[in-house]
C-alpha atoms as a PDB file:
ATOM      1  CA  MET A   1      -0.003  -0.049   0.033  1.00  0.00           C
ATOM      2  CA  THR A   2       1.468   3.378  -0.943  1.00  0.00           C
ATOM      3  CA  VAL A   3       0.758   6.149   1.561  1.00  0.00           C
ATOM      4  CA  ALA A   4       1.636   9.924   1.499  1.00  0.00           C
ATOM      5  CA  ALA A   5       3.008   9.920   5.170  1.00  0.00           C
ATOM      6  CA  VAL A   6       3.492   7.296   7.791  1.00  0.00           C
ATOM      7  CA  GLU A   7       3.245   8.570  11.582  1.00  0.00           C
ATOM      8  CA  ALA A   8       4.357   6.736  14.541  1.00  0.00           C
ATOM      9  CA  LEU A   9       1.601   4.442  16.040  1.00  0.00           C
ATOM     10  CA  GLU A  10       1.547   2.730  19.477  1.00  0.00           C
ATOM     11  CA  LEU A  11       1.651  -0.986  18.881  1.00  0.00           C
ATOM     12  CA  SER A  12      -1.825  -1.491  20.631  1.00  0.00           C
ATOM     13  CA  GLN A  13      -3.317   0.905  18.127  1.00  0.00           C
ATOM     14  CA  LEU A  14      -1.803  -0.948  15.210  1.00  0.00           C
ATOM     15  CA  LEU A  15      -2.825  -4.486  16.380  1.00  0.00           C
ATOM     16  CA  GLY A  16      -6.120  -3.175  17.509  1.00  0.00           C
ATOM     17  CA  SER A  17      -7.087  -1.831  14.144  1.00  0.00           C
ATOM     18  CA  LEU A  18      -5.904  -5.002  12.459  1.00  0.00           C
ATOM     19  CA  LEU A  19      -7.852  -7.322  14.620  1.00  0.00           C
ATOM     20  CA  ALA A  20     -10.741  -4.988  14.572  1.00  0.00           C
ATOM     21  CA  SER A  21     -10.724  -5.364  10.955  1.00  0.00           C
ATOM     22  CA  VAL A  22     -11.034  -9.169  11.188  1.00  0.00           C
ATOM     23  CA  VAL A  23     -13.745  -8.874  13.654  1.00  0.00           C
ATOM     24  CA  GLU A  24     -15.714  -6.518  11.297  1.00  0.00           C
ATOM     25  CA  ALA A  25     -15.216  -9.015   8.495  1.00  0.00           C
ATOM     26  CA  GLN A  26     -16.641 -11.721  10.633  1.00  0.00           C
ATOM     27  CA  ALA A  27     -19.702  -9.491  11.580  1.00  0.00           C
ATOM     28  CA  ALA A  28     -20.362  -8.673   7.924  1.00  0.00           C
ATOM     29  CA  SER A  29     -20.316 -12.475   7.179  1.00  0.00           C
ATOM     30  CA  ALA A  30     -22.816 -12.967   9.810  1.00  0.00           C
ATOM     31  CA  ARG A  31     -25.006 -10.118   8.469  1.00  0.00           C
ATOM     32  CA  ALA A  32     -24.858 -11.807   4.898  1.00  0.00           C
ATOM     33  CA  THR A  33     -26.130 -14.825   6.564  1.00  0.00           C
ATOM     34  CA  VAL A  34     -29.115 -13.258   8.085  1.00  0.00           C
ATOM     35  CA  ASP A  35     -29.808 -11.366   4.960  1.00  0.00           C
ATOM     36  CA  PHE A  36     -29.735 -14.625   2.886  1.00  0.00           C
ATOM     37  CA  VAL A  37     -32.154 -16.455   5.155  1.00  0.00           C
ATOM     38  CA  GLU A  38     -34.597 -13.485   5.088  1.00  0.00           C
ATOM     39  CA  SER A  39     -34.446 -12.974   1.456  1.00  0.00           C
ATOM     40  CA  VAL A  40     -34.522 -16.550   0.322  1.00  0.00           C
ATOM     41  CA  GLY A  41     -36.439 -18.203   3.135  1.00  0.00           C
ATOM     42  CA  PHE A  42     -39.268 -15.897   3.845  1.00  0.00           C
ATOM     43  CA  GLU A  43     -41.749 -13.844   1.859  1.00  0.00           C
ATOM     44  CA  PRO A  44     -44.430 -11.254   2.925  1.00  0.00           C
ATOM     45  CA  GLY A  45     -47.898 -12.785   3.815  1.00  0.00           C
ATOM     46  CA  THR A  46     -51.071 -11.339   4.758  1.00  0.00           C
ATOM     47  CA  ASP A  47     -50.449 -12.100   8.467  1.00  0.00           C
ATOM     48  CA  GLY A  48     -46.729 -11.509   8.350  1.00  0.00           C
ATOM     49  CA  GLU A  49     -43.658 -13.183   7.188  1.00  0.00           C
ATOM     50  CA  ARG A  50     -44.226 -16.661   5.999  1.00  0.00           C
ATOM     51  CA  MET A  51     -41.860 -19.437   4.858  1.00  0.00           C
ATOM     52  CA  ARG A  52     -41.148 -19.326   1.108  1.00  0.00           C
ATOM     53  CA  THR A  53     -41.936 -22.683  -0.357  1.00  0.00           C
ATOM     54  CA  VAL A  54     -41.800 -24.464  -3.876  1.00  0.00           C
ATOM     55  CA  ARG A  55     -44.370 -26.825  -5.305  1.00  0.00           C
ATOM     56  CA  LEU A  56     -43.230 -30.081  -7.193  1.00  0.00           C
ATOM     57  CA  ARG A  57     -45.525 -32.121  -9.221  1.00  0.00           C
ATOM     58  CA  TYR A  58     -45.012 -35.585 -10.075  1.00  0.00           C
ATOM     59  CA  ARG A  59     -46.760 -38.956 -10.886  1.00  0.00           C
ATOM     60  CA  LYS A  60     -46.611 -42.241  -8.875  1.00  0.00           C
ATOM     61  CA  LYS A  61     -48.951 -44.932  -7.736  1.00  0.00           C
ATOM     62  CA  ASP A  62     -51.374 -44.317  -5.085  1.00  0.00           C
ATOM     63  CA  GLU A  63     -52.671 -46.656  -2.178  1.00  0.00           C
ATOM     64  CA  ASN A  64     -54.661 -48.463  -4.887  1.00  0.00           C
ATOM     65  CA  SER A  65     -51.680 -48.917  -7.164  1.00  0.00           C
ATOM     66  CA  ILE A  66     -53.293 -46.623  -9.580  1.00  0.00           C
ATOM     67  CA  PRO A  67     -51.097 -44.017 -11.280  1.00  0.00           C
ATOM     68  CA  ALA A  68     -52.032 -40.602  -9.865  1.00  0.00           C
ATOM     69  CA  ASP A  69     -50.529 -37.001  -9.709  1.00  0.00           C
ATOM     70  CA  PHE A  70     -49.026 -35.803  -6.475  1.00  0.00           C
ATOM     71  CA  GLU A  71     -47.717 -32.520  -5.361  1.00  0.00           C
ATOM     72  CA  VAL A  72     -45.085 -31.855  -2.502  1.00  0.00           C
ATOM     73  CA  GLU A  73     -44.527 -28.364  -1.074  1.00  0.00           C
ATOM     74  CA  VAL A  74     -41.025 -27.954   0.199  1.00  0.00           C
ATOM     75  CA  PRO A  75     -39.608 -24.865   1.956  1.00  0.00           C
ATOM     76  CA  LEU A  76     -36.897 -23.277  -0.056  1.00  0.00           C
ATOM     77  CA  LEU A  77     -34.443 -23.230   2.633  1.00  0.00           C
ATOM     78  CA  ALA A  78     -34.445 -27.009   2.691  1.00  0.00           C
ATOM     79  CA  LEU A  79     -33.129 -27.070  -0.934  1.00  0.00           C
ATOM     80  CA  VAL A  80     -30.135 -24.599  -0.537  1.00  0.00           C
ATOM     81  CA  ASN A  81     -27.035 -24.503   1.470  1.00  0.00           C
ATOM     82  CA  VAL A  82     -27.015 -21.489   3.821  1.00  0.00           C
ATOM     83  CA  PRO A  83     -23.739 -19.616   3.787  1.00  0.00           C
ATOM     84  CA  SER A  84     -22.195 -19.255   7.071  1.00  0.00           C
ATOM     85  CA  LEU A  85     -18.507 -18.620   6.818  1.00  0.00           C
ATOM     86  CA  ALA A  86     -16.260 -18.020   9.882  1.00  0.00           C
ATOM     87  CA  VAL A  87     -12.689 -16.734  10.313  1.00  0.00           C
ATOM     88  CA  LYS A  88     -10.922 -20.064  11.465  1.00  0.00           C
ATOM     89  CA  GLN A  89      -7.533 -18.486  11.693  1.00  0.00           C
ATOM     90  CA  ALA A  90      -5.990 -15.072  10.930  1.00  0.00           C
ATOM     91  CA  ARG A  91      -2.108 -14.683  10.773  1.00  0.00           C
ATOM     92  CA  LEU A  92      -0.697 -11.164  10.794  1.00  0.00           C
ATOM     93  CA  THR A  93       2.929 -10.723   9.814  1.00  0.00           C
ATOM     94  CA  PHE A  94       4.864  -7.411   9.892  1.00  0.00           C
ATOM     95  CA  SER A  95       7.939  -5.721  11.011  1.00  0.00           C
ATOM     96  CA  TYR A  96       7.703  -3.052  13.609  1.00  0.00           C
ATOM     97  CA  GLN A  97      10.297  -0.442  14.408  1.00  0.00           C
ATOM     98  CA  VAL A  98      10.192   0.859  17.850  1.00  0.00           C
ATOM     99  CA  VAL A  99      11.041   4.684  18.148  1.00  0.00           C
ATOM    100  CA  ARG A 100       9.882   5.118  21.781  1.00  0.00           C
ATOM    101  CA  ALA A 101       9.252   3.012  24.977  1.00  0.00           C
ATOM    102  CA  THR A 102       7.388   4.575  27.659  1.00  0.00           C
ATOM    103  CA  ALA A 103       6.935   2.907  31.074  1.00  0.00           C
ATOM    104  CA  VAL A 104       3.561   3.221  32.852  1.00  0.00           C
ATOM    105  CA  GLU A 105       3.233   3.220  36.469  1.00  0.00           C
ATOM    106  CA  ALA A 106       1.655   0.010  37.510  1.00  0.00           C
ATOM    107  CA  GLN A 107      -1.533   0.415  39.410  1.00  0.00           C
ATOM    108  CA  PRO A 108      -1.770  -1.211  42.983  1.00  0.00           C
ATOM    109  CA  ALA A 109      -3.034  -4.620  42.842  1.00  0.00           C
ATOM    110  CA  PRO A 110      -5.629  -6.121  45.053  1.00  0.00           C
ATOM    111  CA  ALA A 111      -4.378  -8.222  47.876  1.00  0.00           C
ATOM    112  CA  ALA A 112      -5.646 -11.283  46.272  1.00  0.00           C
ATOM    113  CA  LEU A 113      -3.375 -10.764  43.385  1.00  0.00           C
ATOM    114  CA  PRO A 114       0.102  -9.840  44.712  1.00  0.00           C
ATOM    115  CA  LEU A 115       2.030 -10.930  41.614  1.00  0.00           C
ATOM    116  CA  ALA A 116       0.276  -8.234  39.509  1.00  0.00           C
ATOM    117  CA  THR A 117       2.346  -5.720  41.381  1.00  0.00           C
ATOM    118  CA  ARG A 118       5.400  -7.037  39.629  1.00  0.00           C
ATOM    119  CA  LEU A 119       4.009  -6.247  36.162  1.00  0.00           C
ATOM    120  CA  ALA A 120       5.310  -3.011  34.694  1.00  0.00           C
ATOM    121  CA  PRO A 121       3.529  -2.328  31.383  1.00  0.00           C
ATOM    122  CA  ALA A 122       5.064  -0.032  28.771  1.00  0.00           C
ATOM    123  CA  THR A 123       3.652   1.737  25.764  1.00  0.00           C
ATOM    124  CA  LEU A 124       5.611   1.045  22.547  1.00  0.00           C
ATOM    125  CA  THR A 125       5.299   3.607  19.805  1.00  0.00           C
ATOM    126  CA  GLY A 126       6.989   3.063  16.387  1.00  0.00           C
ATOM    127  CA  PHE A 127       6.430   2.408  12.688  1.00  0.00           C
ATOM    128  CA  LEU A 128       5.763  -0.489  10.443  1.00  0.00           C
ATOM    129  CA  ARG A 129       9.158  -1.184   8.932  1.00  0.00           C
ATOM    130  CA  PRO A 130       9.038  -0.842   5.059  1.00  0.00           C
ATOM    131  CA  PRO A 131      10.074  -3.647   3.117  1.00  0.00           C
ATOM    132  CA  PRO A 132      13.559  -3.326   1.445  1.00  0.00           C
ATOM    133  CA  SER A 133      13.569  -1.703  -1.795  1.00  0.00           C
ATOM    134  CA  PRO A 134      16.494  -1.214  -4.379  1.00  0.00           C
ATOM    135  CA  THR A 135      15.048   2.100  -5.553  1.00  0.00           C
ATOM    136  CA  PRO A 136      13.534   3.904  -2.554  1.00  0.00           C
ATOM    137  CA  ALA A 137      10.913   6.543  -3.461  1.00  0.00           C
ATOM    138  CA  PRO A 138      12.113  10.117  -2.889  1.00  0.00           C
ATOM    139  CA  SER A 139       8.980  11.526  -1.421  1.00  0.00           C
ATOM    140  CA  ARG A 140       6.754   8.537  -0.348  1.00  0.00           C
ATOM    141  CA  SER A 141       7.212   5.718   2.174  1.00  0.00           C
ATOM    142  CA  THR A 142       5.673   2.267   1.535  1.00  0.00           C
ATOM    143  CA  THR A 143       4.789  -0.210   4.175  1.00  0.00           C
ATOM    144  CA  SER A 144       2.872  -3.616   4.201  1.00  0.00           C
ATOM    145  CA  VAL A 145       1.166  -5.970   6.452  1.00  0.00           C
ATOM    146  CA  ASP A 146       0.774  -9.606   5.441  1.00  0.00           C
ATOM    147  CA  LEU A 147      -2.590 -11.020   6.627  1.00  0.00           C
ATOM    148  CA  ASP A 148      -3.363 -14.799   5.803  1.00  0.00           C
ATOM    149  CA  VAL A 149      -7.000 -15.788   6.731  1.00  0.00           C
ATOM    150  CA  THR A 150      -8.362 -19.195   6.669  1.00  0.00           C
ATOM    151  CA  LEU A 151     -12.134 -19.567   6.357  1.00  0.00           C
ATOM    152  CA  GLU A 152     -14.423 -22.451   7.279  1.00  0.00           C
ATOM    153  CA  GLN A 153     -18.049 -23.242   6.779  1.00  0.00           C
ATOM    154  CA  GLN A 154     -19.196 -23.087  10.615  1.00  0.00           C
ATOM    155  CA  GLU A 155     -21.735 -25.156  12.117  1.00  0.00           C
ATOM    156  CA  LEU A 156     -25.128 -23.733  11.943  1.00  0.00           C
ATOM    157  CA  PRO A 157     -26.599 -21.949  14.993  1.00  0.00           C
ATOM    158  CA  ILE A 158     -29.173 -24.003  16.889  1.00  0.00           C
ATOM    159  CA  GLY A 159     -31.726 -21.494  16.071  1.00  0.00           C
ATOM    160  CA  VAL A 160     -31.152 -22.063  12.277  1.00  0.00           C
ATOM    161  CA  GLU A 161     -31.124 -25.823  12.942  1.00  0.00           C
ATOM    162  CA  ARG A 162     -34.478 -25.616  14.734  1.00  0.00           C
ATOM    163  CA  LEU A 163     -35.788 -23.591  11.548  1.00  0.00           C
ATOM    164  CA  PHE A 164     -34.557 -26.568   9.400  1.00  0.00           C
ATOM    165  CA  ASP A 165     -36.345 -28.924  11.588  1.00  0.00           C
ATOM    166  CA  LEU A 166     -39.540 -26.943  11.131  1.00  0.00           C
ATOM    167  CA  ALA A 167     -38.932 -26.767   7.441  1.00  0.00           C
ATOM    168  CA  GLU A 168     -38.809 -30.544   7.375  1.00  0.00           C
ATOM    169  CA  LEU A 169     -41.910 -30.943   9.080  1.00  0.00           C
ATOM    170  CA  GLY A 170     -43.422 -28.384   6.756  1.00  0.00           C
ATOM    171  CA  MET A 171     -42.945 -30.660   3.904  1.00  0.00           C
ATOM    172  CA  LEU A 172     -46.326 -31.604   2.585  1.00  0.00           C
ATOM    173  CA  GLU A 173     -47.132 -34.417   0.143  1.00  0.00           C
ATOM    174  CA  GLY A 174     -50.583 -35.160  -1.342  1.00  0.00           C
ATOM    175  CA  GLU A 175     -52.485 -36.520  -4.170  1.00  0.00           C
ATOM    176  CA  LEU A 176     -52.961 -33.696  -6.569  1.00  0.00           C
ATOM    177  CA  LYS A 177     -56.619 -32.812  -6.841  1.00  0.00           C
ATOM    178  CA  ARG A 178     -57.888 -31.706 -10.179  1.00  0.00           C
ATOM    179  CA  TYR A 179     -59.619 -28.421  -9.207  1.00  0.00           C
ATOM    180  CA  VAL A 180     -58.299 -25.414  -7.601  1.00  0.00           C
ATOM    181  CA  GLY A 181     -60.479 -22.673  -5.989  1.00  0.00           C
ATOM    182  CA  ASN A 182     -59.457 -19.159  -5.297  1.00  0.00           C
ATOM    183  CA  THR A 183     -61.280 -17.948  -2.237  1.00  0.00           C
ATOM    184  CA  ASN A 184     -60.337 -14.459  -3.110  1.00  0.00           C
ATOM    185  CA  THR A 185     -61.632 -14.245  -6.629  1.00  0.00           C
ATOM    186  CA  LEU A 186     -64.243 -17.006  -5.939  1.00  0.00           C
ATOM    187  CA  GLU A 187     -63.040 -18.711  -9.385  1.00  0.00           C
ATOM    188  CA  VAL A 188     -62.407 -22.336  -9.788  1.00  0.00           C
ATOM    189  CA  HIS A 189     -59.865 -23.702 -12.130  1.00  0.00           C
ATOM    190  CA  ASP A 190     -59.169 -27.045 -13.771  1.00  0.00           C
ATOM    191  CA  ARG A 191     -55.554 -28.377 -13.596  1.00  0.00           C
ATOM    192  CA  ALA A 192     -56.258 -30.957 -16.405  1.00  0.00           C
ATOM    193  CA  ASP A 193     -57.074 -28.036 -18.877  1.00  0.00           C
ATOM    194  CA  GLU A 194     -54.934 -25.341 -17.262  1.00  0.00           C
ATOM    195  CA  ASN A 195     -54.376 -22.360 -19.313  1.00  0.00           C
ATOM    196  CA  PRO A 196     -51.373 -19.803 -18.812  1.00  0.00           C
ATOM    197  CA  ASN A 197     -54.002 -17.099 -18.143  1.00  0.00           C
ATOM    198  CA  CYS A 198     -55.262 -18.945 -15.128  1.00  0.00           C
ATOM    199  CA  GLN A 199     -52.173 -18.077 -13.378  1.00  0.00           C
ATOM    200  CA  LEU A 200     -52.436 -20.714 -10.822  1.00  0.00           C
ATOM    201  CA  PRO A 201     -48.944 -20.174  -9.337  1.00  0.00           C
ATOM    202  CA  GLU A 202     -50.019 -16.699  -8.439  1.00  0.00           C
ATOM    203  CA  ILE A 203     -52.767 -17.687  -6.172  1.00  0.00           C
ATOM    204  CA  LYS A 204     -51.709 -17.226  -2.638  1.00  0.00           C
ATOM    205  CA  PRO A 205     -51.643 -20.302  -0.237  1.00  0.00           C
ATOM    206  CA  GLU A 206     -54.021 -18.705   1.938  1.00  0.00           C
ATOM    207  CA  HIS A 207     -56.633 -18.342  -0.829  1.00  0.00           C
ATOM    208  CA  ARG A 208     -56.025 -21.718  -2.413  1.00  0.00           C
ATOM    209  CA  ARG A 209     -58.475 -24.676  -1.989  1.00  0.00           C
ATOM    210  CA  VAL A 210     -58.314 -28.010  -3.819  1.00  0.00           C
ATOM    211  CA  TYR A 211     -61.071 -30.301  -4.635  1.00  0.00           C
ATOM    212  CA  ALA A 212     -61.358 -33.770  -6.210  1.00  0.00           C
ATOM    213  CA  THR A 213     -64.442 -32.825  -8.186  1.00  0.00           C
ATOM    214  CA  LEU A 214     -66.104 -29.580  -9.726  1.00  0.00           C
ATOM    215  CA  GLU A 215     -69.260 -30.280  -7.649  1.00  0.00           C
ATOM    216  CA  GLN A 216     -67.334 -30.129  -4.375  1.00  0.00           C
ATOM    217  CA  ALA A 217     -65.739 -26.861  -5.236  1.00  0.00           C
ATOM    218  CA  LYS A 218     -69.383 -25.469  -6.145  1.00  0.00           C
ATOM    219  CA  ALA A 219     -70.845 -26.812  -2.781  1.00  0.00           C
ATOM    220  CA  ASP A 220     -67.962 -25.539  -0.685  1.00  0.00           C
ATOM    221  CA  ARG A 221     -68.118 -21.686  -1.999  1.00  0.00           C
ATOM    222  CA  PRO A 222     -70.057 -19.967  -4.784  1.00  0.00           C
ATOM    223  CA  HIS A 223     -67.104 -20.542  -7.193  1.00  0.00           C
ATOM    224  CA  ASP A 224     -67.625 -19.201 -10.820  1.00  0.00           C
ATOM    225  CA  ASN A 225     -65.997 -21.049 -13.648  1.00  0.00           C
ATOM    226  CA  CYS A 226     -62.800 -19.790 -14.959  1.00  0.00           C
ATOM    227  CA  HIS A 227     -63.246 -18.520 -18.401  1.00  0.00           C
ATOM    228  CA  TRP A 228     -59.869 -19.980 -19.574  1.00  0.00           C
ATOM    229  CA  CYS A 229     -59.782 -23.537 -18.372  1.00  0.00           C
ATOM    230  CA  LEU A 230     -63.407 -24.385 -17.760  1.00  0.00           C
ATOM    231  CA  GLY A 231     -65.489 -22.001 -19.768  1.00  0.00           C
ATOM    232  CA  SER A 232     -69.172 -20.940 -19.168  1.00  0.00           C
ATOM    233  CA  SER A 233     -68.138 -18.201 -16.774  1.00  0.00           C
ATOM    234  CA  THR A 234     -71.113 -16.193 -15.605  1.00  0.00           C
ATOM    235  CA  ARG A 235     -69.142 -13.032 -15.168  1.00  0.00           C
END
């Protein structure tokens, strides 16, 4: 790093600033994990935040060994790896040129710690020693700090593990029923003849109801036929 001027620093200031940078990097990593969980794992709902899920549709044999369509709803957090990096080791390497050493008067220690009175702390002030250069700059000084950082994927906090447990319990599998009712618009749709204009994925979970037959949908609520998939809409 090229700097215009280098001032003498206390060794505690130098080490403190370097170590604080490592701590701030760890804090930024933790905030990134929180942001990831909030942005990927949750979405706004009518009654607050709700877990974001994806629906997968597939065919398999039912309990009567007859091929049938099934649908499973899986929390998105259960399908991705949550980034959670931690600084496992940070190694600082630099040369420090002491230009002043000032003794600090030791404070009297409590009677329970008699050995502490023997400690005579001192304040060291100096410069980072610049690396050797065959052609020194006439008006600028250069200095360097080597920082070797080892990162690791840390174990998930217990709260996130609990969240994953809830996500696993939230995996719902069921036989895919043919008709989908929208309690908000009071329309019923036919999956067997689905049209892109039906916009079934846009129906919010709290407004979605499924039925095996059209008669069940009509009996449950005054659903009107969707114009695109069922036709005969009365609207």
